Amino acid sequence: MDPQIEALIKSATGAEHILNSSIIQELWSGYGSIVRYTLKGSEYQSIIIKRIAPPSDRYHPRGWNTDRSHQRKLKSYQVETNWYRRFAHQCPDTCRIPRLLQHHSNGNQSLLLLEDLDHAGFPRRRTQVSLVEIQACLSWLAHFHAQFLHQVPDGLWETGTYWHLETRPDELAVLRKEDPALHLIAETLDQKLKGSRFQTIVHGDAKLANFCFSENGKSVAAVDFQYVGGGCGMKDLAYLLGSCFDEHTCARLEDELLDSYFETLKSALASLQRSSDFSALEADWRALYPIAWTDFHRFLKGWSPGHWKLNDYSEYVARSVIQSLHDQETPS
């Protein structure tokens, strides 16, 4: 074991011994790893270290190994560190996240020592979800968005999510050939989402893989805050549902799941004494849900034109939004 990492773990946890370690996953494009360390003689049975060490030879599984992509990744790791150090303490149990035990940076290597959510009551991961489990994810998002409503994302991404327009000009250029009509409204989609007067902090990568479930599936915690930042809460919601369900289920359950999210959001805001203009917020965000869905579809079509999420439902939503925007611009 790296003596520096060993000393850091013992300092942060009071552990007498580090029994073993196991890699949970490698970071995207070879930028580091996430490792679990099992401890002895500490209040923590185990901890997680997210180690960020950018490679000298850059690789991207879909070919986007540009300097812009590299700089975006570097910033994302700095944003995640800022999140844990400046904002994470505000998250109540209703939007549970791992606690930061320590952060260390040395040269081109950065380490985040985090609580192991497996031992905190969230040991389950899902590739498919029941209605109970998706409701738990929606509840997490609703409480998260309520908690950070109108907060300035200082030190985070000014615009959260990894696909927003300003950071994706290369993918937008591809879209010009793939879908000229969608390319034409890309900036309008972005402006509408930014123009909502109900801005919050969004998780930014709220896919199913970033939620950790309790044994019974009724509660969740979330990880991976590299793309946390300002935005409309519908960006998280549309992205989550698209990561959980096929096109038919998305169409069938959309109204029910949106109703559930807004019901929880209303309750969460009321408990925070911030619900005075909830009706206006709900109307604004419901109208932006198909905009958010189309915005991610716009990115995906430029980034990976053959991606499995480019289905008939997403095409239907996008064409409906394009037509609606056209109708708004056409004099009656």
C-alpha atoms as a PDB file:
ATOM      1  CA  MET A   1       0.000   0.000   0.000  1.00  0.00           C
ATOM      2  CA  ASP A   2       1.060   3.555  -0.690  1.00  0.00           C
ATOM      3  CA  PRO A   3       2.502   4.760   2.657  1.00  0.00           C
ATOM      4  CA  GLN A   4       0.929   8.192   2.148  1.00  0.00           C
ATOM      5  CA  ILE A   5      -2.543   6.696   1.725  1.00  0.00           C
ATOM      6  CA  GLU A   6      -2.037   4.407   4.710  1.00  0.00           C
ATOM      7  CA  ALA A   7      -1.004   7.327   6.933  1.00  0.00           C
ATOM      8  CA  LEU A   8      -3.925   9.402   5.690  1.00  0.00           C
ATOM      9  CA  ILE A   9      -6.461   6.667   6.440  1.00  0.00           C
ATOM     10  CA  LYS A  10      -5.113   6.093   9.950  1.00  0.00           C
ATOM     11  CA  SER A  11      -5.093   9.816  10.647  1.00  0.00           C
ATOM     12  CA  ALA A  12      -8.681  10.283   9.450  1.00  0.00           C
ATOM     13  CA  THR A  13     -10.184   7.190  11.092  1.00  0.00           C
ATOM     14  CA  GLY A  14      -7.948   6.272  14.024  1.00  0.00           C
ATOM     15  CA  ALA A  15      -7.611   2.773  12.546  1.00  0.00           C
ATOM     16  CA  GLU A  16      -4.924   0.486  13.981  1.00  0.00           C
ATOM     17  CA  HIS A  17      -4.662  -1.621  10.850  1.00  0.00           C
ATOM     18  CA  ILE A  18      -5.829  -1.621   7.244  1.00  0.00           C
ATOM     19  CA  LEU A  19      -6.877  -5.200   6.601  1.00  0.00           C
ATOM     20  CA  ASN A  20      -7.432  -5.141   2.850  1.00  0.00           C
ATOM     21  CA  SER A  21      -8.532  -3.078  -0.101  1.00  0.00           C
ATOM     22  CA  SER A  22     -10.690  -3.702  -3.161  1.00  0.00           C
ATOM     23  CA  ILE A  23     -11.298  -1.622  -6.247  1.00  0.00           C
ATOM     24  CA  ILE A  24     -14.973  -0.706  -6.651  1.00  0.00           C
ATOM     25  CA  GLN A  25     -14.493   0.887 -10.049  1.00  0.00           C
ATOM     26  CA  GLU A  26     -12.064   2.748 -12.248  1.00  0.00           C
ATOM     27  CA  LEU A  27     -12.937   6.357 -12.982  1.00  0.00           C
ATOM     28  CA  TRP A  28     -14.096   7.358 -16.451  1.00  0.00           C
ATOM     29  CA  SER A  29     -11.326   7.492 -19.074  1.00  0.00           C
ATOM     30  CA  GLY A  30      -8.666   6.278 -16.642  1.00  0.00           C
ATOM     31  CA  TYR A  31      -8.642   9.319 -14.365  1.00  0.00           C
ATOM     32  CA  GLY A  32      -8.291   7.331 -11.145  1.00  0.00           C
ATOM     33  CA  SER A  33     -10.194   4.801  -9.076  1.00  0.00           C
ATOM     34  CA  ILE A  34     -12.645   4.284  -6.231  1.00  0.00           C
ATOM     35  CA  VAL A  35     -11.338   1.861  -3.598  1.00  0.00           C
ATOM     36  CA  ARG A  36     -12.815   0.368  -0.425  1.00  0.00           C
ATOM     37  CA  TYR A  37     -10.441  -0.126   2.525  1.00  0.00           C
ATOM     38  CA  THR A  38     -11.418  -2.469   5.368  1.00  0.00           C
ATOM     39  CA  LEU A  39     -10.217  -1.270   8.769  1.00  0.00           C
ATOM     40  CA  LYS A  40      -9.495  -2.639  12.235  1.00  0.00           C
ATOM     41  CA  GLY A  41      -9.496  -0.642  15.461  1.00  0.00           C
ATOM     42  CA  SER A  42     -11.684   2.187  14.139  1.00  0.00           C
ATOM     43  CA  GLU A  43     -15.293   3.258  14.493  1.00  0.00           C
ATOM     44  CA  TYR A  44     -15.437   2.758  10.707  1.00  0.00           C
ATOM     45  CA  GLN A  45     -15.522  -0.826   9.452  1.00  0.00           C
ATOM     46  CA  SER A  46     -14.442   0.473   6.069  1.00  0.00           C
ATOM     47  CA  ILE A  47     -14.016   3.687   4.137  1.00  0.00           C
ATOM     48  CA  ILE A  48     -14.016   4.717   0.500  1.00  0.00           C
ATOM     49  CA  ILE A  49     -11.217   6.628  -1.196  1.00  0.00           C
ATOM     50  CA  LYS A  50     -11.849   8.345  -4.486  1.00  0.00           C
ATOM     51  CA  ARG A  51      -8.408   8.812  -5.982  1.00  0.00           C
ATOM     52  CA  ILE A  52      -8.091  11.284  -8.844  1.00  0.00           C
ATOM     53  CA  ALA A  53      -4.887  11.009 -10.872  1.00  0.00           C
ATOM     54  CA  PRO A  54      -5.272  12.113 -14.517  1.00  0.00           C
ATOM     55  CA  PRO A  55      -3.422   9.873 -17.001  1.00  0.00           C
ATOM     56  CA  SER A  56      -0.568  11.109 -19.128  1.00  0.00           C
ATOM     57  CA  ASP A  57      -2.053   9.355 -22.175  1.00  0.00           C
ATOM     58  CA  ARG A  58      -5.677  10.408 -22.391  1.00  0.00           C
ATOM     59  CA  TYR A  59      -8.308   7.970 -23.622  1.00  0.00           C
ATOM     60  CA  HIS A  60     -12.060   8.296 -24.078  1.00  0.00           C
ATOM     61  CA  PRO A  61     -14.243   5.239 -24.794  1.00  0.00           C
ATOM     62  CA  ARG A  62     -16.238   7.196 -27.387  1.00  0.00           C
ATOM     63  CA  GLY A  63     -13.341   9.147 -28.867  1.00  0.00           C
ATOM     64  CA  TRP A  64     -13.886  12.511 -27.127  1.00  0.00           C
ATOM     65  CA  ASN A  65     -10.300  12.778 -25.877  1.00  0.00           C
ATOM     66  CA  THR A  66      -9.887  16.491 -26.622  1.00  0.00           C
ATOM     67  CA  ASP A  67      -8.239  19.078 -24.403  1.00  0.00           C
ATOM     68  CA  ARG A  68     -11.688  20.559 -23.773  1.00  0.00           C
ATOM     69  CA  SER A  69     -12.840  17.176 -22.480  1.00  0.00           C
ATOM     70  CA  HIS A  70      -9.723  16.893 -20.296  1.00  0.00           C
ATOM     71  CA  GLN A  71     -10.184  20.344 -18.774  1.00  0.00           C
ATOM     72  CA  ARG A  72     -13.874  19.621 -18.133  1.00  0.00           C
ATOM     73  CA  LYS A  73     -12.945  16.469 -16.200  1.00  0.00           C
ATOM     74  CA  LEU A  74     -10.286  18.278 -14.180  1.00  0.00           C
ATOM     75  CA  LYS A  75     -12.783  20.969 -13.228  1.00  0.00           C
ATOM     76  CA  SER A  76     -15.378  18.341 -12.339  1.00  0.00           C
ATOM     77  CA  TYR A  77     -13.106  16.831  -9.700  1.00  0.00           C
ATOM     78  CA  GLN A  78     -12.367  20.250  -8.224  1.00  0.00           C
ATOM     79  CA  VAL A  79     -16.108  20.953  -8.160  1.00  0.00           C
ATOM     80  CA  GLU A  80     -16.731  17.685  -6.325  1.00  0.00           C
ATOM     81  CA  THR A  81     -14.119  18.600  -3.720  1.00  0.00           C
ATOM     82  CA  ASN A  82     -15.713  22.029  -3.290  1.00  0.00           C
ATOM     83  CA  TRP A  83     -19.111  20.388  -2.936  1.00  0.00           C
ATOM     84  CA  TYR A  84     -18.006  18.138  -0.092  1.00  0.00           C
ATOM     85  CA  ARG A  85     -16.102  20.885   1.684  1.00  0.00           C
ATOM     86  CA  ARG A  86     -18.623  23.741   1.325  1.00  0.00           C
ATOM     87  CA  PHE A  87     -22.123  22.374   0.718  1.00  0.00           C
ATOM     88  CA  ALA A  88     -22.440  18.726   1.719  1.00  0.00           C
ATOM     89  CA  HIS A  89     -23.003  19.476   5.408  1.00  0.00           C
ATOM     90  CA  GLN A  90     -26.341  21.077   4.478  1.00  0.00           C
ATOM     91  CA  CYS A  91     -27.814  17.780   3.266  1.00  0.00           C
ATOM     92  CA  PRO A  92     -30.277  16.296   5.776  1.00  0.00           C
ATOM     93  CA  ASP A  93     -31.002  12.574   6.044  1.00  0.00           C
ATOM     94  CA  THR A  94     -33.806  12.997   3.502  1.00  0.00           C
ATOM     95  CA  CYS A  95     -31.159  13.551   0.820  1.00  0.00           C
ATOM     96  CA  ARG A  96     -28.389  11.457   2.329  1.00  0.00           C
ATOM     97  CA  ILE A  97     -24.843  11.554   0.943  1.00  0.00           C
ATOM     98  CA  PRO A  98     -21.530  10.114   2.193  1.00  0.00           C
ATOM     99  CA  ARG A  99     -19.699  12.205   4.761  1.00  0.00           C
ATOM    100  CA  LEU A 100     -16.287  13.585   3.826  1.00  0.00           C
ATOM    101  CA  LEU A 101     -13.713  12.356   6.339  1.00  0.00           C
ATOM    102  CA  GLN A 102     -10.696  14.050   4.820  1.00  0.00           C
ATOM    103  CA  HIS A 103      -9.353  15.544   1.619  1.00  0.00           C
ATOM    104  CA  HIS A 104      -5.735  15.531   0.504  1.00  0.00           C
ATOM    105  CA  SER A 105      -4.081  16.902  -2.615  1.00  0.00           C
ATOM    106  CA  ASN A 106      -0.486  16.345  -3.652  1.00  0.00           C
ATOM    107  CA  GLY A 107       0.808  17.246  -7.102  1.00  0.00           C
ATOM    108  CA  ASN A 108      -1.459  15.724  -9.739  1.00  0.00           C
ATOM    109  CA  GLN A 109      -3.120  13.362  -7.256  1.00  0.00           C
ATOM    110  CA  SER A 110      -6.177  14.195  -5.158  1.00  0.00           C
ATOM    111  CA  LEU A 111      -7.833  11.972  -2.557  1.00  0.00           C
ATOM    112  CA  LEU A 112     -11.349  12.133  -1.118  1.00  0.00           C
ATOM    113  CA  LEU A 113     -11.778   9.963   1.989  1.00  0.00           C
ATOM    114  CA  LEU A 114     -15.488   9.223   2.271  1.00  0.00           C
ATOM    115  CA  GLU A 115     -17.870   7.332   4.504  1.00  0.00           C
ATOM    116  CA  ASP A 116     -18.713   3.865   3.150  1.00  0.00           C
ATOM    117  CA  LEU A 117     -22.454   3.952   2.484  1.00  0.00           C
ATOM    118  CA  ASP A 118     -22.648   0.147   2.528  1.00  0.00           C
ATOM    119  CA  HIS A 119     -22.040   0.218   6.289  1.00  0.00           C
ATOM    120  CA  ALA A 120     -24.264   3.271   6.752  1.00  0.00           C
ATOM    121  CA  GLY A 121     -27.355   1.320   5.719  1.00  0.00           C
ATOM    122  CA  PHE A 122     -27.291   1.653   1.928  1.00  0.00           C
ATOM    123  CA  PRO A 123     -25.644  -1.553   0.633  1.00  0.00           C
ATOM    124  CA  ARG A 124     -27.794  -2.227  -2.424  1.00  0.00           C
ATOM    125  CA  ARG A 125     -27.270  -1.150  -6.030  1.00  0.00           C
ATOM    126  CA  ARG A 126     -29.865  -1.492  -8.766  1.00  0.00           C
ATOM    127  CA  THR A 127     -29.837  -1.843 -12.537  1.00  0.00           C
ATOM    128  CA  GLN A 128     -33.643  -2.015 -12.537  1.00  0.00           C
ATOM    129  CA  VAL A 129     -36.049  -0.471 -10.056  1.00  0.00           C
ATOM    130  CA  SER A 130     -39.436  -1.179  -8.566  1.00  0.00           C
ATOM    131  CA  LEU A 131     -41.984   1.568  -8.106  1.00  0.00           C
ATOM    132  CA  VAL A 132     -41.001   1.775  -4.425  1.00  0.00           C
ATOM    133  CA  GLU A 133     -37.345   2.241  -5.334  1.00  0.00           C
ATOM    134  CA  ILE A 134     -37.916   4.911  -7.963  1.00  0.00           C
ATOM    135  CA  GLN A 135     -40.151   6.747  -5.487  1.00  0.00           C
ATOM    136  CA  ALA A 136     -37.211   6.746  -3.062  1.00  0.00           C
ATOM    137  CA  CYS A 137     -34.976   8.329  -5.719  1.00  0.00           C
ATOM    138  CA  LEU A 138     -37.611  10.936  -6.541  1.00  0.00           C
ATOM    139  CA  SER A 139     -37.976  11.741  -2.851  1.00  0.00           C
ATOM    140  CA  TRP A 140     -34.195  12.215  -2.585  1.00  0.00           C
ATOM    141  CA  LEU A 141     -34.209  14.627  -5.527  1.00  0.00           C
ATOM    142  CA  ALA A 142     -37.212  16.560  -4.222  1.00  0.00           C
ATOM    143  CA  HIS A 143     -35.602  17.094  -0.809  1.00  0.00           C
ATOM    144  CA  PHE A 144     -32.262  17.963  -2.412  1.00  0.00           C
ATOM    145  CA  HIS A 145     -33.819  20.556  -4.720  1.00  0.00           C
ATOM    146  CA  ALA A 146     -35.866  21.996  -1.849  1.00  0.00           C
ATOM    147  CA  GLN A 147     -32.814  22.263   0.386  1.00  0.00           C
ATOM    148  CA  PHE A 148     -30.804  24.238  -2.161  1.00  0.00           C
ATOM    149  CA  LEU A 149     -33.547  26.286  -3.824  1.00  0.00           C
ATOM    150  CA  HIS A 150     -32.226  29.761  -4.752  1.00  0.00           C
ATOM    151  CA  GLN A 151     -28.725  29.034  -3.379  1.00  0.00           C
ATOM    152  CA  VAL A 152     -25.805  30.405  -5.367  1.00  0.00           C
ATOM    153  CA  PRO A 153     -23.568  27.527  -6.558  1.00  0.00           C
ATOM    154  CA  ASP A 154     -20.350  29.263  -5.524  1.00  0.00           C
ATOM    155  CA  GLY A 155     -17.389  27.015  -6.343  1.00  0.00           C
ATOM    156  CA  LEU A 156     -19.605  24.536  -8.203  1.00  0.00           C
ATOM    157  CA  TRP A 157     -20.609  24.507 -11.865  1.00  0.00           C
ATOM    158  CA  GLU A 158     -22.492  27.687 -12.641  1.00  0.00           C
ATOM    159  CA  THR A 159     -24.712  25.453 -14.766  1.00  0.00           C
ATOM    160  CA  GLY A 160     -24.926  21.933 -13.386  1.00  0.00           C
ATOM    161  CA  THR A 161     -25.050  18.665 -15.408  1.00  0.00           C
ATOM    162  CA  TYR A 162     -22.324  17.304 -17.638  1.00  0.00           C
ATOM    163  CA  TRP A 163     -24.215  17.861 -20.892  1.00  0.00           C
ATOM    164  CA  HIS A 164     -25.103  21.543 -20.754  1.00  0.00           C
ATOM    165  CA  LEU A 165     -24.567  23.503 -23.924  1.00  0.00           C
ATOM    166  CA  GLU A 166     -21.630  25.727 -22.986  1.00  0.00           C
ATOM    167  CA  THR A 167     -19.337  22.762 -22.311  1.00  0.00           C
ATOM    168  CA  ARG A 168     -20.412  20.739 -25.374  1.00  0.00           C
ATOM    169  CA  PRO A 169     -19.682  22.676 -28.594  1.00  0.00           C
ATOM    170  CA  ASP A 170     -18.083  19.641 -30.261  1.00  0.00           C
ATOM    171  CA  GLU A 171     -21.177  17.509 -29.755  1.00  0.00           C
ATOM    172  CA  LEU A 172     -23.356  20.394 -30.944  1.00  0.00           C
ATOM    173  CA  ALA A 173     -21.350  20.564 -34.144  1.00  0.00           C
ATOM    174  CA  VAL A 174     -22.086  16.868 -34.803  1.00  0.00           C
ATOM    175  CA  LEU A 175     -25.779  17.514 -34.178  1.00  0.00           C
ATOM    176  CA  ARG A 176     -25.876  20.009 -37.056  1.00  0.00           C
ATOM    177  CA  LYS A 177     -25.661  17.041 -39.445  1.00  0.00           C
ATOM    178  CA  GLU A 178     -27.490  14.478 -37.293  1.00  0.00           C
ATOM    179  CA  ASP A 179     -30.592  16.570 -36.623  1.00  0.00           C
ATOM    180  CA  PRO A 180     -30.691  20.109 -38.074  1.00  0.00           C
ATOM    181  CA  ALA A 181     -34.086  20.913 -36.510  1.00  0.00           C
ATOM    182  CA  LEU A 182     -32.895  19.978 -33.036  1.00  0.00           C
ATOM    183  CA  HIS A 183     -29.609  21.813 -33.597  1.00  0.00           C
ATOM    184  CA  LEU A 184     -31.578  24.945 -34.461  1.00  0.00           C
ATOM    185  CA  ILE A 185     -33.356  25.056 -31.082  1.00  0.00           C
ATOM    186  CA  ALA A 186     -30.412  23.941 -28.900  1.00  0.00           C
ATOM    187  CA  GLU A 187     -29.702  27.419 -27.594  1.00  0.00           C
ATOM    188  CA  THR A 188     -33.397  28.089 -26.971  1.00  0.00           C
ATOM    189  CA  LEU A 189     -33.639  24.936 -24.821  1.00  0.00           C
ATOM    190  CA  ASP A 190     -30.625  26.062 -22.812  1.00  0.00           C
ATOM    191  CA  GLN A 191     -31.986  29.582 -22.352  1.00  0.00           C
ATOM    192  CA  LYS A 192     -35.382  28.344 -21.202  1.00  0.00           C
ATOM    193  CA  LEU A 193     -33.826  26.108 -18.533  1.00  0.00           C
ATOM    194  CA  LYS A 194     -31.529  28.896 -17.360  1.00  0.00           C
ATOM    195  CA  GLY A 195     -34.398  31.392 -17.522  1.00  0.00           C
ATOM    196  CA  SER A 196     -36.494  29.695 -14.862  1.00  0.00           C
ATOM    197  CA  ARG A 197     -36.727  31.981 -11.847  1.00  0.00           C
ATOM    198  CA  PHE A 198     -36.730  28.894  -9.628  1.00  0.00           C
ATOM    199  CA  GLN A 199     -33.100  27.868  -9.787  1.00  0.00           C
ATOM    200  CA  THR A 200     -31.713  25.320  -7.363  1.00  0.00           C
ATOM    201  CA  ILE A 201     -28.608  23.168  -7.143  1.00  0.00           C
ATOM    202  CA  VAL A 202     -28.888  20.029  -9.253  1.00  0.00           C
ATOM    203  CA  HIS A 203     -26.993  16.794  -8.695  1.00  0.00           C
ATOM    204  CA  GLY A 204     -25.972  16.881 -12.338  1.00  0.00           C
ATOM    205  CA  ASP A 205     -25.510  13.134 -12.897  1.00  0.00           C
ATOM    206  CA  ALA A 206     -28.562  11.660 -11.173  1.00  0.00           C
ATOM    207  CA  LYS A 207     -28.592   8.327 -12.978  1.00  0.00           C
ATOM    208  CA  LEU A 208     -29.642   5.101 -11.282  1.00  0.00           C
ATOM    209  CA  ALA A 209     -26.031   3.947 -10.900  1.00  0.00           C
ATOM    210  CA  ASN A 210     -25.343   6.884  -8.566  1.00  0.00           C
ATOM    211  CA  PHE A 211     -27.991   5.892  -6.016  1.00  0.00           C
ATOM    212  CA  CYS A 212     -27.314   3.480  -3.149  1.00  0.00           C
ATOM    213  CA  PHE A 213     -30.362   1.717  -1.716  1.00  0.00           C
ATOM    214  CA  SER A 214     -31.297   0.508   1.739  1.00  0.00           C
ATOM    215  CA  GLU A 215     -32.087  -3.202   2.169  1.00  0.00           C
ATOM    216  CA  ASN A 216     -35.825  -2.639   1.735  1.00  0.00           C
ATOM    217  CA  GLY A 217     -35.398  -0.131  -1.098  1.00  0.00           C
ATOM    218  CA  LYS A 218     -37.427   2.550   0.659  1.00  0.00           C
ATOM    219  CA  SER A 219     -34.558   4.996   1.160  1.00  0.00           C
ATOM    220  CA  VAL A 220     -31.489   5.978  -0.832  1.00  0.00           C
ATOM    221  CA  ALA A 221     -28.248   7.914  -0.638  1.00  0.00           C
ATOM    222  CA  ALA A 222     -26.498   9.480  -3.629  1.00  0.00           C
ATOM    223  CA  VAL A 223     -22.875   9.663  -4.745  1.00  0.00           C
ATOM    224  CA  ASP A 224     -20.780  11.281  -7.497  1.00  0.00           C
ATOM    225  CA  PHE A 225     -21.023  15.067  -7.341  1.00  0.00           C
ATOM    226  CA  GLN A 226     -18.641  15.980 -10.160  1.00  0.00           C
ATOM    227  CA  TYR A 227     -21.310  17.872 -12.090  1.00  0.00           C
ATOM    228  CA  VAL A 228     -23.267  19.447  -9.268  1.00  0.00           C
ATOM    229  CA  GLY A 229     -24.245  23.061  -9.901  1.00  0.00           C
ATOM    230  CA  GLY A 230     -26.996  25.543 -10.594  1.00  0.00           C
ATOM    231  CA  GLY A 231     -30.086  24.710 -12.603  1.00  0.00           C
ATOM    232  CA  CYS A 232     -33.718  23.750 -12.930  1.00  0.00           C
ATOM    233  CA  GLY A 233     -34.605  20.622 -10.960  1.00  0.00           C
ATOM    234  CA  MET A 234     -36.251  19.062 -14.010  1.00  0.00           C
ATOM    235  CA  LYS A 235     -32.831  18.370 -15.494  1.00  0.00           C
ATOM    236  CA  ASP A 236     -32.156  15.816 -12.739  1.00  0.00           C
ATOM    237  CA  LEU A 237     -35.643  14.361 -12.977  1.00  0.00           C
ATOM    238  CA  ALA A 238     -35.665  13.814 -16.732  1.00  0.00           C
ATOM    239  CA  TYR A 239     -32.170  12.314 -16.633  1.00  0.00           C
ATOM    240  CA  LEU A 240     -33.043   9.954 -13.775  1.00  0.00           C
ATOM    241  CA  LEU A 241     -36.219   8.606 -15.348  1.00  0.00           C
ATOM    242  CA  GLY A 242     -34.473   8.127 -18.670  1.00  0.00           C
ATOM    243  CA  SER A 243     -31.792   6.046 -16.908  1.00  0.00           C
ATOM    244  CA  CYS A 244     -34.343   3.801 -15.182  1.00  0.00           C
ATOM    245  CA  PHE A 245     -36.986   2.895 -17.717  1.00  0.00           C
ATOM    246  CA  ASP A 246     -37.507   1.871 -21.309  1.00  0.00           C
ATOM    247  CA  GLU A 247     -39.487   4.139 -23.592  1.00  0.00           C
ATOM    248  CA  HIS A 248     -42.846   2.455 -22.960  1.00  0.00           C
ATOM    249  CA  THR A 249     -42.526   2.652 -19.186  1.00  0.00           C
ATOM    250  CA  CYS A 250     -41.427   6.293 -19.383  1.00  0.00           C
ATOM    251  CA  ALA A 251     -44.542   7.160 -21.331  1.00  0.00           C
ATOM    252  CA  ARG A 252     -46.849   5.129 -19.066  1.00  0.00           C
ATOM    253  CA  LEU A 253     -45.517   6.338 -15.707  1.00  0.00           C
ATOM    254  CA  GLU A 254     -44.508   9.924 -16.498  1.00  0.00           C
ATOM    255  CA  ASP A 255     -47.566  11.655 -15.005  1.00  0.00           C
ATOM    256  CA  GLU A 256     -47.612   9.479 -11.895  1.00  0.00           C
ATOM    257  CA  LEU A 257     -43.923   9.997 -11.168  1.00  0.00           C
ATOM    258  CA  LEU A 258     -44.043  13.738 -11.786  1.00  0.00           C
ATOM    259  CA  ASP A 259     -47.010  14.002  -9.418  1.00  0.00           C
ATOM    260  CA  SER A 260     -45.084  12.066  -6.769  1.00  0.00           C
ATOM    261  CA  TYR A 261     -42.012  14.278  -7.126  1.00  0.00           C
ATOM    262  CA  PHE A 262     -43.972  17.523  -6.833  1.00  0.00           C
ATOM    263  CA  GLU A 263     -45.990  16.254  -3.887  1.00  0.00           C
ATOM    264  CA  THR A 264     -42.746  15.529  -2.007  1.00  0.00           C
ATOM    265  CA  LEU A 265     -41.183  18.799  -3.138  1.00  0.00           C
ATOM    266  CA  LYS A 266     -44.172  20.726  -1.776  1.00  0.00           C
ATOM    267  CA  SER A 267     -43.906  18.962   1.576  1.00  0.00           C
ATOM    268  CA  ALA A 268     -40.129  19.486   1.731  1.00  0.00           C
ATOM    269  CA  LEU A 269     -40.421  23.198   0.970  1.00  0.00           C
ATOM    270  CA  ALA A 270     -43.191  23.568   3.550  1.00  0.00           C
ATOM    271  CA  SER A 271     -40.982  22.017   6.226  1.00  0.00           C
ATOM    272  CA  LEU A 272     -38.289  24.543   5.268  1.00  0.00           C
ATOM    273  CA  GLN A 273     -40.887  27.355   5.299  1.00  0.00           C
ATOM    274  CA  ARG A 274     -40.234  28.139   1.627  1.00  0.00           C
ATOM    275  CA  SER A 275     -43.529  27.086   0.038  1.00  0.00           C
ATOM    276  CA  SER A 276     -45.243  30.471  -0.421  1.00  0.00           C
ATOM    277  CA  ASP A 277     -44.905  30.442  -4.220  1.00  0.00           C
ATOM    278  CA  PHE A 278     -45.015  26.674  -4.766  1.00  0.00           C
ATOM    279  CA  SER A 279     -47.847  26.822  -7.309  1.00  0.00           C
ATOM    280  CA  ALA A 280     -45.756  29.086  -9.535  1.00  0.00           C
ATOM    281  CA  LEU A 281     -42.710  26.854  -9.118  1.00  0.00           C
ATOM    282  CA  GLU A 282     -44.665  23.716  -9.999  1.00  0.00           C
ATOM    283  CA  ALA A 283     -46.216  25.310 -13.091  1.00  0.00           C
ATOM    284  CA  ASP A 284     -42.816  26.579 -14.231  1.00  0.00           C
ATOM    285  CA  TRP A 285     -40.986  23.288 -13.718  1.00  0.00           C
ATOM    286  CA  ARG A 286     -43.727  21.082 -15.171  1.00  0.00           C
ATOM    287  CA  ALA A 287     -43.577  23.140 -18.365  1.00  0.00           C
ATOM    288  CA  LEU A 288     -39.778  22.728 -18.400  1.00  0.00           C
ATOM    289  CA  TYR A 289     -39.784  18.943 -17.944  1.00  0.00           C
ATOM    290  CA  PRO A 290     -40.089  18.170 -21.689  1.00  0.00           C
ATOM    291  CA  ILE A 291     -37.550  20.926 -22.352  1.00  0.00           C
ATOM    292  CA  ALA A 292     -35.081  19.240 -19.994  1.00  0.00           C
ATOM    293  CA  TRP A 293     -35.754  15.855 -21.589  1.00  0.00           C
ATOM    294  CA  THR A 294     -35.157  17.296 -25.053  1.00  0.00           C
ATOM    295  CA  ASP A 295     -31.997  19.059 -23.919  1.00  0.00           C
ATOM    296  CA  PHE A 296     -30.417  15.761 -22.828  1.00  0.00           C
ATOM    297  CA  HIS A 297     -31.661  14.118 -26.026  1.00  0.00           C
ATOM    298  CA  ARG A 298     -29.934  16.938 -27.924  1.00  0.00           C
ATOM    299  CA  PHE A 299     -26.633  16.189 -26.204  1.00  0.00           C
ATOM    300  CA  LEU A 300     -26.915  12.432 -26.616  1.00  0.00           C
ATOM    301  CA  LYS A 301     -27.648  12.668 -30.320  1.00  0.00           C
ATOM    302  CA  GLY A 302     -24.450  14.626 -30.875  1.00  0.00           C
ATOM    303  CA  TRP A 303     -22.303  12.646 -28.419  1.00  0.00           C
ATOM    304  CA  SER A 304     -23.325   9.108 -29.342  1.00  0.00           C
ATOM    305  CA  PRO A 305     -25.791   8.945 -32.261  1.00  0.00           C
ATOM    306  CA  GLY A 306     -26.335   5.189 -31.819  1.00  0.00           C
ATOM    307  CA  HIS A 307     -26.979   5.284 -28.052  1.00  0.00           C
ATOM    308  CA  TRP A 308     -29.746   3.010 -26.714  1.00  0.00           C
ATOM    309  CA  LYS A 309     -31.515   5.937 -25.043  1.00  0.00           C
ATOM    310  CA  LEU A 310     -32.254   7.495 -28.438  1.00  0.00           C
ATOM    311  CA  ASN A 311     -35.649   5.834 -28.621  1.00  0.00           C
ATOM    312  CA  ASP A 312     -39.049   6.630 -30.105  1.00  0.00           C
ATOM    313  CA  TYR A 313     -40.311   8.213 -26.873  1.00  0.00           C
ATOM    314  CA  SER A 314     -37.410  10.678 -26.714  1.00  0.00           C
ATOM    315  CA  GLU A 315     -37.901  11.464 -30.402  1.00  0.00           C
ATOM    316  CA  TYR A 316     -41.591  12.071 -29.781  1.00  0.00           C
ATOM    317  CA  VAL A 317     -40.860  14.449 -26.880  1.00  0.00           C
ATOM    318  CA  ALA A 318     -38.215  16.291 -28.916  1.00  0.00           C
ATOM    319  CA  ARG A 319     -40.470  16.685 -31.985  1.00  0.00           C
ATOM    320  CA  SER A 320     -43.304  17.937 -29.750  1.00  0.00           C
ATOM    321  CA  VAL A 321     -41.007  20.520 -28.171  1.00  0.00           C
ATOM    322  CA  ILE A 322     -39.667  21.623 -31.566  1.00  0.00           C
ATOM    323  CA  GLN A 323     -43.225  22.062 -32.850  1.00  0.00           C
ATOM    324  CA  SER A 324     -44.304  23.918 -29.708  1.00  0.00           C
ATOM    325  CA  LEU A 325     -41.392  26.345 -29.957  1.00  0.00           C
ATOM    326  CA  HIS A 326     -42.125  26.861 -33.657  1.00  0.00           C
ATOM    327  CA  ASP A 327     -45.781  27.608 -32.876  1.00  0.00           C
ATOM    328  CA  GLN A 328     -44.754  30.152 -30.242  1.00  0.00           C
ATOM    329  CA  GLU A 329     -42.627  31.999 -32.770  1.00  0.00           C
ATOM    330  CA  THR A 330     -45.214  31.907 -35.580  1.00  0.00           C
ATOM    331  CA  PRO A 331     -47.774  34.765 -35.531  1.00  0.00           C
ATOM    332  CA  SER A 332     -51.352  33.542 -35.227  1.00  0.00           C
END
